[in-house]
């Protein structure tokens, strides 16, 4: 029977396992200066500032710069659209506070998956990670990456349409660069995220400051009769909230890397509260700035609101806006891959995904397999899939499982009252947030039964997959042999080993 290599028996010359002691100074797990072996594990390298940059940098993508019109179309007036933007920010803050409690009392990485596993057991947790790995994350990464590809090329194709193939090729390069970065160094990935977050905030300030100057000059005509327009429909309001919550999505990503956060009991709540305050104020003021220059009718017709706004107010400097949007998208790509790879790492550690995904590179101390597993799936989505349809099918699944995770917080209050909770929110906050999430999910099933029904069916495929791959323990010998040999080969190629556990 094959026994997986430990940190002291790293792989790999001519297909044989080599004891690490025989490798002398080439031993990658020993410090050059002290010759003392470093423990193979994910290090606590995420500081408060890096946590803030991870949340802000992942939330602020292309949406606020390109298409606030989704909310305006479904609310019918300028006033209602600003109310929805504010309400979505407050609702996201409530959800983030719930996750702050979950992250400080359950000190494991993995986010939604871990909290559902703790509260409701392995089946719903497996379904969550199954859908995330196969469809949601590759499609979401491809969509934000396509925005990056389009806007990075925008200054080179001012007079003509950008070819789709060029966009996809640049997008593929961008995805590969992000995954190489996350495979190489946790520290550098976090540092670049801080830089990109500052770029995003500068881009928002470039929009807000001229807008404030317009208000000072008295350019308020677009705010007169702000609530007059198309009546809000029962079907339109949940779609408006979906658009808004999608724009704020990302407040939960720090919980995916809890085990790598320095002093998580203090830094997770602080990072979440600071980030959500900055993003909510920034989003609302950005939308106010748009309306100082662009009418509601013009905003609905624009495919890139920030570009239209910059062309009117900033002159030649407007050419820089696509670059800022591209950097913003790159930051969202980087933050999303950094965080979600930890969900796959934890799910593998729990036995819900192939064992190779829970292994760590012996040189870099990064979860290399959990990062690169997304690369081929994302490329398939990018070049062959109808990505936007898949996101429409499965957008409800994200909020279903987030709502379920917060219901789990309420359940754990009664199931495990003795659990240490250094940060605790009033019970009405998780009750209100989970009800809102589940209500939006139910309403979307009613208002758009075809798309959400397909998404629901895709999600349910996780149930037979759970019993086939996880519960069924009488798999054929040939299947186990192939699985073990594949794991061994991948370990040798990638130079990864299982994380070492504390002996204490």
Protein backbone atom coordinates (compact mmCIF):
# COMPACT_ATOMS: atom_id res chain seq x y z
CA UNK A 1 0.00 0.00 0.00
CA UNK A 2 1.32 3.41 -0.98
CA UNK A 3 2.17 5.74 1.90
CA UNK A 4 2.17 9.45 1.10
CA UNK A 5 5.53 11.21 1.48
CA UNK A 6 5.92 13.34 4.55
CA UNK A 7 7.88 16.55 4.84
CA UNK A 8 10.99 14.50 5.65
CA UNK A 9 10.88 12.32 2.54
CA UNK A 10 10.51 14.68 -0.36
CA UNK A 11 10.37 13.32 -3.83
CA UNK A 12 11.94 13.15 -6.79
CA UNK A 13 14.65 11.92 -8.89
CA UNK A 14 13.99 9.44 -11.70
CA UNK A 15 10.61 8.57 -10.21
CA UNK A 16 11.89 7.47 -6.78
CA UNK A 17 11.35 9.00 -3.39
CA UNK A 18 14.55 10.44 -1.91
CA UNK A 19 15.09 10.90 1.82
CA UNK A 20 15.56 14.59 2.47
CA UNK A 21 18.60 14.02 4.66
CA UNK A 22 20.58 12.89 1.62
CA UNK A 23 20.01 16.15 -0.25
CA UNK A 24 22.49 18.15 1.85
CA UNK A 25 22.39 21.89 1.25
CA UNK A 26 19.73 21.48 -1.42
CA UNK A 27 17.18 20.45 1.21
CA UNK A 28 14.38 22.98 0.60
CA UNK A 29 12.80 22.77 4.03
CA UNK A 30 15.88 23.77 5.99
CA UNK A 31 16.88 27.36 6.60
CA UNK A 32 20.22 28.21 4.94
CA UNK A 33 21.42 30.18 7.91
CA UNK A 34 20.44 27.90 10.79
CA UNK A 35 20.02 24.50 9.06
CA UNK A 36 16.93 24.16 11.22
CA UNK A 37 14.00 22.59 9.44
CA UNK A 38 11.10 24.94 8.86
CA UNK A 39 7.66 23.54 9.58
CA UNK A 40 5.65 22.97 6.41
CA UNK A 41 2.40 24.85 6.99
CA UNK A 42 0.55 27.98 5.94
CA UNK A 43 2.13 30.86 7.85
CA UNK A 44 0.27 33.63 9.68
CA UNK A 45 1.31 36.42 7.32
CA UNK A 46 -1.96 38.34 6.80
CA UNK A 47 -1.79 41.57 8.85
CA UNK A 48 -4.65 43.99 9.56
CA UNK A 49 -3.68 46.19 6.60
CA UNK A 50 -3.42 43.16 4.31
CA UNK A 51 -6.79 41.93 5.56
CA UNK A 52 -8.38 45.29 4.76
CA UNK A 53 -6.76 45.29 1.32
CA UNK A 54 -7.98 41.73 0.67
CA UNK A 55 -11.59 42.69 1.43
CA UNK A 56 -11.63 46.09 -0.31
CA UNK A 57 -9.50 44.85 -3.19
CA UNK A 58 -11.82 41.92 -3.84
CA UNK A 59 -15.10 43.83 -3.43
CA UNK A 60 -14.21 46.71 -5.74
CA UNK A 61 -14.00 45.16 -9.19
CA UNK A 62 -15.36 46.42 -12.48
CA UNK A 63 -19.01 46.79 -11.42
CA UNK A 64 -18.94 50.22 -9.80
CA UNK A 65 -17.05 51.64 -12.80
CA UNK A 66 -19.01 49.93 -15.58
CA UNK A 67 -22.65 49.18 -14.89
CA UNK A 68 -24.54 50.75 -11.98
CA UNK A 69 -27.40 50.80 -14.49
CA UNK A 70 -28.58 47.35 -13.34
CA UNK A 71 -29.86 48.86 -10.10
CA UNK A 72 -31.29 51.95 -11.81
CA UNK A 73 -33.18 49.83 -14.37
CA UNK A 74 -34.79 47.73 -11.65
CA UNK A 75 -35.60 50.57 -9.23
CA UNK A 76 -36.89 53.09 -11.77
CA UNK A 77 -35.55 56.31 -10.20
CA UNK A 78 -32.37 58.01 -9.07
CA UNK A 79 -33.55 58.26 -5.47
CA UNK A 80 -34.51 54.60 -5.17
CA UNK A 81 -31.25 53.50 -6.79
CA UNK A 82 -29.24 55.45 -4.17
CA UNK A 83 -31.38 53.94 -1.40
CA UNK A 84 -30.70 50.44 -2.74
CA UNK A 85 -26.95 51.13 -2.95
CA UNK A 86 -27.01 52.28 0.69
CA UNK A 87 -29.25 49.42 1.84
CA UNK A 88 -27.03 46.82 0.12
CA UNK A 89 -23.99 48.32 1.87
CA UNK A 90 -25.73 48.17 5.26
CA UNK A 91 -26.98 44.63 4.60
CA UNK A 92 -23.49 43.55 3.54
CA UNK A 93 -22.12 45.09 6.76
CA UNK A 94 -24.62 43.05 8.79
CA UNK A 95 -23.53 39.89 6.99
CA UNK A 96 -19.89 40.83 7.49
CA UNK A 97 -20.46 41.28 11.25
CA UNK A 98 -22.01 37.79 11.37
CA UNK A 99 -18.94 36.42 9.61
CA UNK A 100 -16.73 38.30 12.07
CA UNK A 101 -18.35 36.32 14.87
CA UNK A 102 -18.03 33.05 12.94
CA UNK A 103 -14.40 33.78 12.07
CA UNK A 104 -13.41 34.51 15.67
CA UNK A 105 -15.16 31.51 17.25
CA UNK A 106 -14.34 28.99 14.49
CA UNK A 107 -10.66 29.65 13.82
CA UNK A 108 -10.45 27.61 10.63
CA UNK A 109 -10.04 28.81 7.07
CA UNK A 110 -12.62 27.95 4.41
CA UNK A 111 -15.37 30.53 4.90
CA UNK A 112 -18.90 29.36 4.00
CA UNK A 113 -17.79 25.74 3.64
CA UNK A 114 -16.30 25.53 7.15
CA UNK A 115 -19.25 27.22 8.89
CA UNK A 116 -21.84 25.03 7.13
CA UNK A 117 -19.74 21.96 7.97
CA UNK A 118 -19.56 22.93 11.66
CA UNK A 119 -23.28 23.68 11.94
CA UNK A 120 -25.03 21.25 9.58
CA UNK A 121 -22.56 18.50 8.74
CA UNK A 122 -20.72 17.23 5.66
CA UNK A 123 -23.45 16.89 2.99
CA UNK A 124 -24.47 20.57 2.62
CA UNK A 125 -20.81 21.61 3.06
CA UNK A 126 -19.74 19.26 0.25
CA UNK A 127 -22.51 20.55 -2.04
CA UNK A 128 -21.27 24.09 -1.39
CA UNK A 129 -17.66 23.36 -2.33
CA UNK A 130 -18.73 21.11 -5.25
CA UNK A 131 -20.63 23.92 -6.97
CA UNK A 132 -17.93 26.47 -6.15
CA UNK A 133 -15.14 24.35 -7.65
CA UNK A 134 -16.89 23.15 -10.79
CA UNK A 135 -18.85 26.21 -11.88
CA UNK A 136 -19.14 29.30 -9.68
CA UNK A 137 -15.49 30.14 -9.13
CA UNK A 138 -14.22 29.36 -12.66
CA UNK A 139 -17.12 31.34 -14.17
CA UNK A 140 -16.73 34.27 -11.75
CA UNK A 141 -12.96 34.38 -12.33
CA UNK A 142 -13.46 34.29 -16.09
CA UNK A 143 -16.00 37.13 -15.99
CA UNK A 144 -13.86 39.54 -13.93
CA UNK A 145 -10.81 38.52 -15.97
CA UNK A 146 -12.60 39.31 -19.23
CA UNK A 147 -13.27 42.80 -17.88
CA UNK A 148 -9.55 43.07 -17.11
CA UNK A 149 -8.65 41.96 -20.66
CA UNK A 150 -11.07 44.38 -22.27
CA UNK A 151 -10.02 47.44 -20.28
CA UNK A 152 -6.28 46.80 -20.42
CA UNK A 153 -6.60 46.82 -24.24
CA UNK A 154 -8.99 49.81 -24.39
CA UNK A 155 -6.26 52.50 -24.83
CA UNK A 156 -4.81 50.58 -27.83
CA UNK A 157 -8.13 50.30 -29.70
CA UNK A 158 -9.56 53.80 -29.33
CA UNK A 159 -10.76 54.03 -32.94
CA UNK A 160 -12.05 50.47 -33.41
CA UNK A 161 -13.66 47.52 -31.69
CA UNK A 162 -11.37 45.24 -29.69
CA UNK A 163 -11.22 41.72 -31.26
CA UNK A 164 -12.75 39.06 -29.00
CA UNK A 165 -9.77 36.74 -29.50
CA UNK A 166 -7.35 39.46 -28.35
CA UNK A 167 -9.45 40.03 -25.21
CA UNK A 168 -9.49 36.31 -24.41
CA UNK A 169 -5.75 35.88 -24.99
CA UNK A 170 -4.87 38.83 -22.73
CA UNK A 171 -7.39 37.52 -20.21
CA UNK A 172 -5.73 34.09 -20.25
CA UNK A 173 -2.34 35.72 -19.60
CA UNK A 174 -3.80 37.72 -16.71
CA UNK A 175 -5.35 34.63 -15.10
CA UNK A 176 -2.06 32.74 -15.44
CA UNK A 177 -0.05 35.60 -13.89
CA UNK A 178 -2.42 35.79 -10.90
CA UNK A 179 -2.23 32.04 -10.31
CA UNK A 180 1.57 31.99 -10.60
CA UNK A 181 1.75 34.88 -8.12
CA UNK A 182 -0.51 33.08 -5.62
CA UNK A 183 1.47 29.86 -6.07
CA UNK A 184 4.81 31.59 -5.48
CA UNK A 185 4.42 33.75 -2.38
CA UNK A 186 1.72 34.60 0.13
CA UNK A 187 3.64 37.74 1.16
CA UNK A 188 4.04 39.09 -2.37
CA UNK A 189 0.44 38.32 -3.24
CA UNK A 190 -0.66 40.29 -0.16
CA UNK A 191 1.71 43.20 -0.94
CA UNK A 192 0.48 43.48 -4.51
CA UNK A 193 -3.08 43.37 -3.21
CA UNK A 194 -2.33 46.38 -0.98
CA UNK A 195 -0.92 48.29 -3.98
CA UNK A 196 -3.92 47.42 -6.17
CA UNK A 197 -6.33 48.42 -3.38
CA UNK A 198 -4.73 51.87 -3.25
CA UNK A 199 -5.13 52.07 -7.05
CA UNK A 200 -8.84 51.27 -6.69
CA UNK A 201 -9.34 53.90 -4.00
CA UNK A 202 -7.49 56.48 -6.12
CA UNK A 203 -9.76 55.61 -9.06
CA UNK A 204 -12.86 56.13 -6.90
CA UNK A 205 -11.48 59.44 -5.62
CA UNK A 206 -10.86 60.53 -9.23
CA UNK A 207 -14.62 60.09 -9.73
CA UNK A 208 -15.84 61.43 -6.36
CA UNK A 209 -13.77 64.64 -6.12
CA UNK A 210 -14.96 66.17 -9.46
CA UNK A 211 -18.51 65.09 -8.49
CA UNK A 212 -18.30 66.96 -5.19
CA UNK A 213 -17.00 70.02 -7.06
CA UNK A 214 -20.01 69.76 -9.39
CA UNK A 215 -22.35 69.71 -6.39
CA UNK A 216 -20.62 72.79 -4.96
CA UNK A 217 -21.21 74.52 -8.31
CA UNK A 218 -24.92 73.70 -7.98
CA UNK A 219 -25.16 70.88 -10.53
CA UNK A 220 -28.10 69.22 -8.79
CA UNK A 221 -30.69 69.13 -11.56
CA UNK A 222 -30.55 65.32 -11.85
CA UNK A 223 -31.52 65.02 -8.17
CA UNK A 224 -34.72 67.04 -8.53
CA UNK A 225 -37.79 64.82 -8.40
CA UNK A 226 -35.38 61.98 -7.59
CA UNK A 227 -38.16 59.52 -6.82
CA UNK A 228 -40.19 60.21 -9.95
CA UNK A 229 -39.80 57.58 -12.64
CA UNK A 230 -40.79 54.03 -13.39
CA UNK A 231 -42.65 52.39 -10.51
CA UNK A 232 -40.69 49.77 -8.60
CA UNK A 233 -42.06 46.29 -9.28
CA UNK A 234 -42.10 43.36 -6.89
CA UNK A 235 -39.99 41.47 -9.43
CA UNK A 236 -37.56 44.33 -10.05
CA UNK A 237 -36.60 45.00 -6.44
CA UNK A 238 -34.95 41.61 -5.73
CA UNK A 239 -33.07 41.89 -9.04
CA UNK A 240 -31.87 45.34 -7.98
CA UNK A 241 -30.72 43.92 -4.65
CA UNK A 242 -28.97 41.08 -6.47
CA UNK A 243 -27.06 43.63 -8.56
CA UNK A 244 -26.17 45.63 -5.47
CA UNK A 245 -25.16 42.63 -3.36
CA UNK A 246 -23.06 41.36 -6.27
CA UNK A 247 -21.23 44.71 -6.33
CA UNK A 248 -20.55 44.40 -2.58
CA UNK A 249 -19.67 40.69 -2.74
CA UNK A 250 -16.27 40.00 -1.21
CA UNK A 251 -16.77 41.03 2.41
CA UNK A 252 -16.56 37.33 3.35
CA UNK A 253 -13.18 36.56 1.77
CA UNK A 254 -11.01 37.26 4.82
CA UNK A 255 -12.83 34.36 6.55
CA UNK A 256 -11.47 32.04 3.87
CA UNK A 257 -7.92 32.63 5.19
CA UNK A 258 -8.58 32.77 8.96
CA UNK A 259 -5.68 30.43 9.78
CA UNK A 260 -3.24 32.84 8.08
CA UNK A 261 -4.47 36.02 9.83
CA UNK A 262 -2.33 37.48 12.60
CA UNK A 263 -4.33 37.82 15.83
CA UNK A 264 -7.65 36.86 14.14
CA UNK A 265 -9.80 37.63 17.20
CA UNK A 266 -8.90 41.31 16.85
CA UNK A 267 -7.98 41.74 13.19
CA UNK A 268 -10.93 39.97 11.50
CA UNK A 269 -13.67 42.18 13.05
CA UNK A 270 -11.55 45.32 12.62
CA UNK A 271 -10.70 44.59 8.98
CA UNK A 272 -14.33 43.79 8.15
CA UNK A 273 -15.79 46.91 9.79
CA UNK A 274 -13.18 49.31 8.36
CA UNK A 275 -13.44 47.80 4.87
CA UNK A 276 -17.24 47.86 4.71
CA UNK A 277 -17.41 51.47 5.94
CA UNK A 278 -14.92 52.56 3.25
CA UNK A 279 -16.62 50.61 0.45
CA UNK A 280 -20.19 51.67 1.32
CA UNK A 281 -19.32 55.38 1.56
CA UNK A 282 -17.22 55.11 -1.61
CA UNK A 283 -19.96 53.36 -3.60
CA UNK A 284 -22.73 55.78 -2.60
CA UNK A 285 -20.60 58.87 -3.25
CA UNK A 286 -19.45 57.45 -6.61
CA UNK A 287 -23.08 57.03 -7.70
CA UNK A 288 -23.92 60.54 -6.49
CA UNK A 289 -20.95 61.83 -8.54
CA UNK A 290 -22.23 60.07 -11.66
CA UNK A 291 -25.62 61.78 -11.35
CA UNK A 292 -24.04 65.25 -11.11
CA UNK A 293 -23.02 64.90 -14.76
CA UNK A 294 -25.06 62.06 -16.30
CA UNK A 295 -28.86 61.85 -16.41
CA UNK A 296 -30.67 58.65 -15.49
CA UNK A 297 -31.52 58.04 -19.17
CA UNK A 298 -27.89 58.49 -20.25
CA UNK A 299 -26.65 56.20 -17.47
CA UNK A 300 -28.95 53.38 -18.60
CA UNK A 301 -27.66 53.72 -22.18
CA UNK A 302 -23.98 53.74 -21.16
CA UNK A 303 -22.02 50.47 -21.16
CA UNK A 304 -19.18 52.00 -19.13
CA UNK A 305 -20.47 54.73 -16.85
CA UNK A 306 -17.09 55.71 -15.43
CA UNK A 307 -15.64 56.20 -18.92
CA UNK A 308 -18.61 58.33 -20.02
CA UNK A 309 -18.33 60.39 -16.83
CA UNK A 310 -14.55 60.87 -17.21
CA UNK A 311 -14.86 61.91 -20.86
CA UNK A 312 -17.19 64.75 -19.84
CA UNK A 313 -15.29 66.03 -16.82
CA UNK A 314 -11.64 64.98 -17.10
CA UNK A 315 -10.72 65.57 -20.74
CA UNK A 316 -7.58 63.72 -21.87
CA UNK A 317 -7.12 62.25 -18.40
CA UNK A 318 -10.15 60.05 -19.14
CA UNK A 319 -7.76 57.75 -21.06
CA UNK A 320 -6.34 56.66 -17.70
CA UNK A 321 -9.71 55.44 -16.43
CA UNK A 322 -9.65 52.11 -18.37
CA UNK A 323 -6.21 51.40 -16.88
CA UNK A 324 -7.54 51.96 -13.37
CA UNK A 325 -10.54 49.72 -14.13
CA UNK A 326 -8.17 47.02 -15.42
CA UNK A 327 -6.04 47.25 -12.25
CA UNK A 328 -9.22 47.08 -10.20
CA UNK A 329 -10.24 43.88 -11.99
CA UNK A 330 -6.76 42.42 -11.51
CA UNK A 331 -7.03 43.07 -7.77
CA UNK A 332 -10.37 41.27 -7.63
CA UNK A 333 -8.88 38.34 -9.53
CA UNK A 334 -5.92 38.18 -7.15
CA UNK A 335 -7.98 38.46 -3.97
CA UNK A 336 -10.61 35.97 -5.14
CA UNK A 337 -8.08 33.28 -6.09
CA UNK A 338 -6.03 33.86 -2.92
CA UNK A 339 -9.12 33.38 -0.74
CA UNK A 340 -11.08 30.65 -2.53
CA UNK A 341 -8.05 28.38 -2.93
CA UNK A 342 -8.12 28.10 0.89
CA UNK A 343 -11.67 26.77 0.73
CA UNK A 344 -10.48 23.96 -1.56
CA UNK A 345 -7.47 23.39 0.71
CA UNK A 346 -9.69 23.01 3.80
CA UNK A 347 -12.28 20.86 1.97
CA UNK A 348 -9.48 18.51 0.87
CA UNK A 349 -8.14 18.41 4.42
CA UNK A 350 -11.63 17.33 5.55
CA UNK A 351 -11.67 14.56 2.92
CA UNK A 352 -14.20 16.22 0.59
CA UNK A 353 -11.82 16.89 -2.31
CA UNK A 354 -8.78 14.96 -3.66
CA UNK A 355 -5.97 14.70 -1.12
CA UNK A 356 -3.46 16.52 -3.33
CA UNK A 357 -5.36 19.80 -2.83
CA UNK A 358 -4.52 19.84 0.90
CA UNK A 359 -0.76 19.77 0.30
CA UNK A 360 1.70 22.65 0.57
CA UNK A 361 4.78 23.54 -1.44
CA UNK A 362 7.89 22.81 0.59
CA UNK A 363 9.79 25.88 -0.66
CA UNK A 364 7.08 28.53 -0.78
CA UNK A 365 4.62 27.34 1.89
CA UNK A 366 1.70 28.05 -0.45
CA UNK A 367 -1.25 25.71 -1.18
CA UNK A 368 0.00 25.28 -4.76
CA UNK A 369 -2.38 22.49 -5.91
CA UNK A 370 -5.46 24.27 -4.50
CA UNK A 371 -4.48 27.41 -6.45
CA UNK A 372 -3.71 25.87 -9.82
CA UNK A 373 -6.71 23.49 -9.85
CA UNK A 374 -8.77 26.50 -10.95
CA UNK A 375 -6.56 27.25 -13.96
CA UNK A 376 -7.74 24.56 -16.42
CA UNK A 377 -11.39 24.92 -15.34
CA UNK A 378 -11.27 28.69 -15.80
CA UNK A 379 -9.64 28.37 -19.22
CA UNK A 380 -12.35 25.97 -20.36
CA UNK A 381 -14.99 28.47 -19.20
CA UNK A 382 -13.16 31.35 -20.86
CA UNK A 383 -12.90 29.82 -24.33
CA UNK A 384 -15.93 27.52 -24.55
CA UNK A 385 -18.55 28.35 -21.93
CA UNK A 386 -21.48 30.74 -21.83
CA UNK A 387 -20.06 32.31 -18.69
CA UNK A 388 -22.70 34.97 -18.09
CA UNK A 389 -25.53 32.43 -18.30
CA UNK A 390 -23.77 30.22 -15.77
CA UNK A 391 -23.43 33.14 -13.40
CA UNK A 392 -27.13 33.91 -13.81
CA UNK A 393 -27.96 30.27 -13.10
CA UNK A 394 -25.87 30.17 -9.95
CA UNK A 395 -25.93 33.68 -8.47
CA UNK A 396 -28.76 32.53 -6.21
CA UNK A 397 -26.61 29.62 -4.95
CA UNK A 398 -24.05 31.99 -3.41
CA UNK A 399 -26.70 33.78 -1.34
CA UNK A 400 -28.46 30.53 -0.48
CA UNK A 401 -25.30 29.16 1.14
CA UNK A 402 -24.29 32.47 2.73
CA UNK A 403 -27.78 32.66 4.26
CA UNK A 404 -27.40 29.05 5.40
CA UNK A 405 -24.02 29.80 7.01
CA UNK A 406 -25.55 32.68 8.99
CA UNK A 407 -28.48 30.47 10.02
CA UNK A 408 -25.71 28.16 11.26
CA UNK A 409 -24.47 30.98 13.51
CA UNK A 410 -27.92 31.13 15.16
CA UNK A 411 -28.03 27.34 15.42
CA UNK A 412 -24.58 27.18 17.03
CA UNK A 413 -25.67 29.75 19.64
CA UNK A 414 -28.12 27.11 20.94
CA UNK A 415 -26.28 23.92 20.01
CA UNK A 416 -22.92 25.00 21.46
CA UNK A 417 -23.53 27.84 23.96
CA UNK A 418 -20.19 27.09 25.65
CA UNK A 419 -18.21 28.02 22.50
CA UNK A 420 -15.76 30.87 23.08
CA UNK A 421 -17.06 33.93 21.22
CA UNK A 422 -14.64 36.86 21.55
CA UNK A 423 -16.79 38.87 19.11
CA UNK A 424 -20.57 38.49 19.41
CA UNK A 425 -23.33 40.26 17.49
CA UNK A 426 -26.90 40.82 18.72
CA UNK A 427 -29.11 37.92 17.60
CA UNK A 428 -31.37 40.14 15.48
CA UNK A 429 -28.49 40.83 13.06
CA UNK A 430 -27.98 37.22 11.86
CA UNK A 431 -31.77 36.72 11.95
CA UNK A 432 -32.40 39.74 9.71
CA UNK A 433 -29.52 38.99 7.34
CA UNK A 434 -30.31 35.29 6.87
CA UNK A 435 -34.01 36.05 6.35
CA UNK A 436 -33.15 38.65 3.69
CA UNK A 437 -30.81 36.27 1.85
CA UNK A 438 -33.27 33.37 1.86
CA UNK A 439 -36.16 35.68 0.94
CA UNK A 440 -34.21 36.99 -2.09
CA UNK A 441 -33.40 33.41 -3.12
CA UNK A 442 -37.06 32.35 -2.86
CA UNK A 443 -38.24 35.45 -4.74
CA UNK A 444 -35.72 34.85 -7.53
CA UNK A 445 -37.02 31.29 -7.92
CA UNK A 446 -40.48 32.81 -8.38
CA UNK A 447 -39.52 35.72 -10.64
CA UNK A 448 -37.01 33.84 -12.85
CA UNK A 449 -37.88 30.14 -12.53
CA UNK A 450 -35.99 28.96 -15.63
CA UNK A 451 -32.52 30.31 -14.89
CA UNK A 452 -32.67 29.78 -11.13
CA UNK A 453 -34.27 26.36 -11.66
CA UNK A 454 -31.32 25.32 -13.83
CA UNK A 455 -28.94 26.63 -11.19
CA UNK A 456 -30.83 24.73 -8.51
CA UNK A 457 -30.57 21.52 -10.58
CA UNK A 458 -26.80 22.05 -11.05
CA UNK A 459 -26.44 22.55 -7.30
CA UNK A 460 -28.35 19.32 -6.57
CA UNK A 461 -25.82 17.30 -8.61
CA UNK A 462 -23.62 17.66 -5.53
CA UNK A 463 -25.86 15.22 -3.61
CA UNK A 464 -25.21 12.09 -5.74
CA UNK A 465 -21.57 13.21 -6.10
CA UNK A 466 -21.27 13.22 -2.30
CA UNK A 467 -22.51 9.65 -1.97
CA UNK A 468 -20.46 8.45 -4.95
CA UNK A 469 -17.12 10.03 -4.06
CA UNK A 470 -17.28 10.45 -0.26
CA UNK A 471 -19.70 7.98 1.33
CA UNK A 472 -19.13 4.97 -0.93
CA UNK A 473 -16.04 3.30 0.58
CA UNK A 474 -16.03 0.11 -1.51
CA UNK A 475 -14.42 1.61 -4.57
CA UNK A 476 -12.69 -0.85 -6.95
CA UNK A 477 -9.04 -1.61 -6.30
CA UNK A 478 -8.03 -0.24 -9.72
CA UNK A 479 -9.68 3.11 -8.84
CA UNK A 480 -7.79 3.35 -5.54
CA UNK A 481 -4.51 2.39 -7.24
CA UNK A 482 -4.92 5.04 -9.96
CA UNK A 483 -5.84 7.64 -7.33
CA UNK A 484 -2.80 6.85 -5.18
CA UNK A 485 -0.39 6.81 -8.11
CA UNK A 486 -1.79 10.08 -9.46
CA UNK A 487 -1.34 11.70 -6.05
CA UNK A 488 2.24 10.41 -5.87
CA UNK A 489 3.14 11.69 -9.35
CA UNK A 490 1.61 15.11 -8.67
CA UNK A 491 3.52 15.34 -5.38
CA UNK A 492 6.78 14.72 -7.22
CA UNK A 493 5.99 17.19 -9.99
CA UNK A 494 4.74 19.96 -7.73
CA UNK A 495 7.04 19.35 -4.73
CA UNK A 496 4.20 19.40 -2.23
CA UNK A 497 3.63 17.54 1.03
CA UNK A 498 0.85 17.39 3.63
CA UNK A 499 0.90 20.19 6.17
CA UNK A 500 2.59 19.20 9.41
CA UNK A 501 0.28 19.07 12.41
CA UNK A 502 1.11 20.43 15.83
CA UNK A 503 2.21 17.63 18.13
CA UNK A 504 0.91 19.45 21.20
